Amino acid sequence: MTKIKNEIEDEYNLVREMQIEEQNERDRQKFLMPENERQELIAALKKKWEACNKQFQETTHYAMPLDTIGKKARMDAITNEMDQLEKDIKRLQKNYIFVDTTQPSSVW
């Protein structure tokens, strides 16, 4: 009986050690984004937003009214991109941004 209890306890300890090691591995794959990198990314996104805004202004100035499907589609694409850039900038305004290297890279 004691032998069986010891075997069960050994297996339990082994499973616990494996879980701890898996958690440690997941923690190693996540890291805090450096502040300078975060600021550079925000600056780049703001620059991209300004370029989109300029294009938006030019399009509304020259293409009014939006009487064709192509003009409307371009305006929708520009406004959607500007909205997404604003959301991305807002996300990066947080104090701490963690990068998870286990997730597949995707476009926000």
Protein backbone atom coordinates (compact mmCIF):
# COMPACT_ATOMS: atom_id res chain seq x y z
CA MET A 1 0.00 0.00 0.00
CA THR A 2 2.82 2.39 0.87
CA LYS A 3 4.54 1.59 -2.40
CA ILE A 4 1.41 2.50 -4.38
CA LYS A 5 0.97 5.74 -2.42
CA ASN A 6 4.59 6.68 -3.14
CA GLU A 7 4.16 5.94 -6.84
CA ILE A 8 1.01 8.07 -6.98
CA GLU A 9 2.75 10.89 -5.15
CA ASP A 10 5.74 10.66 -7.50
CA GLU A 11 3.47 10.84 -10.53
CA TYR A 12 1.61 13.78 -9.02
CA ASN A 13 4.91 15.60 -8.42
CA LEU A 14 6.03 14.84 -11.95
CA VAL A 15 2.80 16.28 -13.39
CA ARG A 16 3.13 19.37 -11.18
CA GLU A 17 6.73 19.90 -12.33
CA MET A 18 5.66 19.56 -15.96
CA GLN A 19 2.90 22.13 -15.45
CA ILE A 20 5.34 24.55 -13.81
CA GLU A 21 7.81 24.10 -16.68
CA GLU A 22 5.07 24.69 -19.27
CA GLN A 23 4.00 27.88 -17.47
CA ASN A 24 7.62 29.06 -17.32
CA GLU A 25 7.98 28.43 -21.06
CA ARG A 26 4.82 30.44 -21.79
CA ASP A 27 6.13 33.26 -19.60
CA ARG A 28 9.44 33.29 -21.50
CA GLN A 29 7.53 33.71 -24.76
CA LYS A 30 5.85 36.90 -23.52
CA PHE A 31 7.77 40.08 -22.86
CA LEU A 32 7.19 43.73 -22.13
CA MET A 33 7.59 45.94 -25.18
CA PRO A 34 10.41 48.43 -24.60
CA GLU A 35 9.23 52.02 -24.11
CA ASN A 36 11.31 53.40 -26.99
CA GLU A 37 9.91 50.78 -29.38
CA ARG A 38 6.36 51.61 -28.23
CA GLN A 39 6.96 55.33 -28.80
CA GLU A 40 8.45 54.67 -32.26
CA LEU A 41 5.44 52.55 -33.19
CA ILE A 42 3.02 55.25 -32.02
CA ALA A 43 4.94 57.89 -34.01
CA ALA A 44 4.88 55.71 -37.13
CA LEU A 45 1.14 55.09 -36.78
CA LYS A 46 0.48 58.81 -36.33
CA LYS A 47 2.54 59.57 -39.44
CA LYS A 48 0.55 56.97 -41.38
CA TRP A 49 -2.71 58.49 -40.06
CA GLU A 50 -1.59 61.95 -41.22
CA ALA A 51 -0.87 60.58 -44.70
CA CYS A 52 -4.31 58.95 -44.80
CA ASN A 53 -5.92 62.15 -43.56
CA LYS A 54 -4.18 64.15 -46.30
CA GLN A 55 -5.42 61.66 -48.88
CA PHE A 56 -8.90 61.88 -47.37
CA GLN A 57 -8.86 65.67 -47.55
CA GLU A 58 -7.67 65.61 -51.17
CA THR A 59 -10.30 63.07 -52.11
CA THR A 60 -13.15 64.98 -50.50
CA HIS A 61 -11.95 68.22 -52.04
CA TYR A 62 -11.65 66.93 -55.60
CA ALA A 63 -14.06 64.02 -55.71
CA MET A 64 -17.23 65.55 -54.37
CA PRO A 65 -19.89 64.44 -54.89
CA LEU A 66 -19.32 60.70 -54.44
CA ASP A 67 -21.28 59.85 -57.55
CA THR A 68 -19.46 56.67 -58.60
CA ILE A 69 -18.93 53.35 -56.91
CA GLY A 70 -15.15 53.72 -57.24
CA LYS A 71 -15.08 57.09 -55.48
CA LYS A 72 -17.28 55.78 -52.68
CA ALA A 73 -15.14 52.65 -52.30
CA ARG A 74 -11.93 54.74 -52.07
CA MET A 75 -13.49 56.99 -49.44
CA ASP A 76 -14.70 54.00 -47.44
CA ALA A 77 -11.25 52.38 -47.61
CA ILE A 78 -9.55 55.56 -46.45
CA THR A 79 -11.96 56.13 -43.56
CA ASN A 80 -11.73 52.48 -42.49
CA GLU A 81 -7.94 52.66 -42.48
CA MET A 82 -8.00 55.90 -40.47
CA ASP A 83 -10.41 54.35 -37.95
CA GLN A 84 -8.17 51.29 -37.57
CA LEU A 85 -5.08 53.46 -37.11
CA GLU A 86 -6.86 55.45 -34.40
CA LYS A 87 -7.77 52.21 -32.59
CA ASP A 88 -4.19 50.96 -32.84
CA ILE A 89 -2.78 54.21 -31.49
CA LYS A 90 -5.26 54.09 -28.60
CA ARG A 91 -4.18 50.52 -27.78
CA LEU A 92 -0.55 51.58 -27.65
CA GLN A 93 -1.28 54.48 -25.30
CA LYS A 94 -1.40 52.05 -22.37
CA ASN A 95 1.58 52.06 -20.01
CA TYR A 96 2.44 48.39 -20.43
CA ILE A 97 2.28 46.51 -23.71
CA PHE A 98 3.12 42.82 -23.63
CA VAL A 99 4.22 40.99 -26.75
CA ASP A 100 3.19 37.36 -27.07
CA THR A 101 5.49 35.48 -29.42
CA THR A 102 3.29 32.37 -29.39
CA GLN A 103 0.48 34.03 -31.34
CA PRO A 104 0.70 34.12 -35.13
CA SER A 105 1.47 37.57 -36.43
CA SER A 106 -1.51 39.38 -37.85
CA VAL A 107 -2.46 42.79 -39.05
CA TRP A 108 -4.48 44.67 -36.44
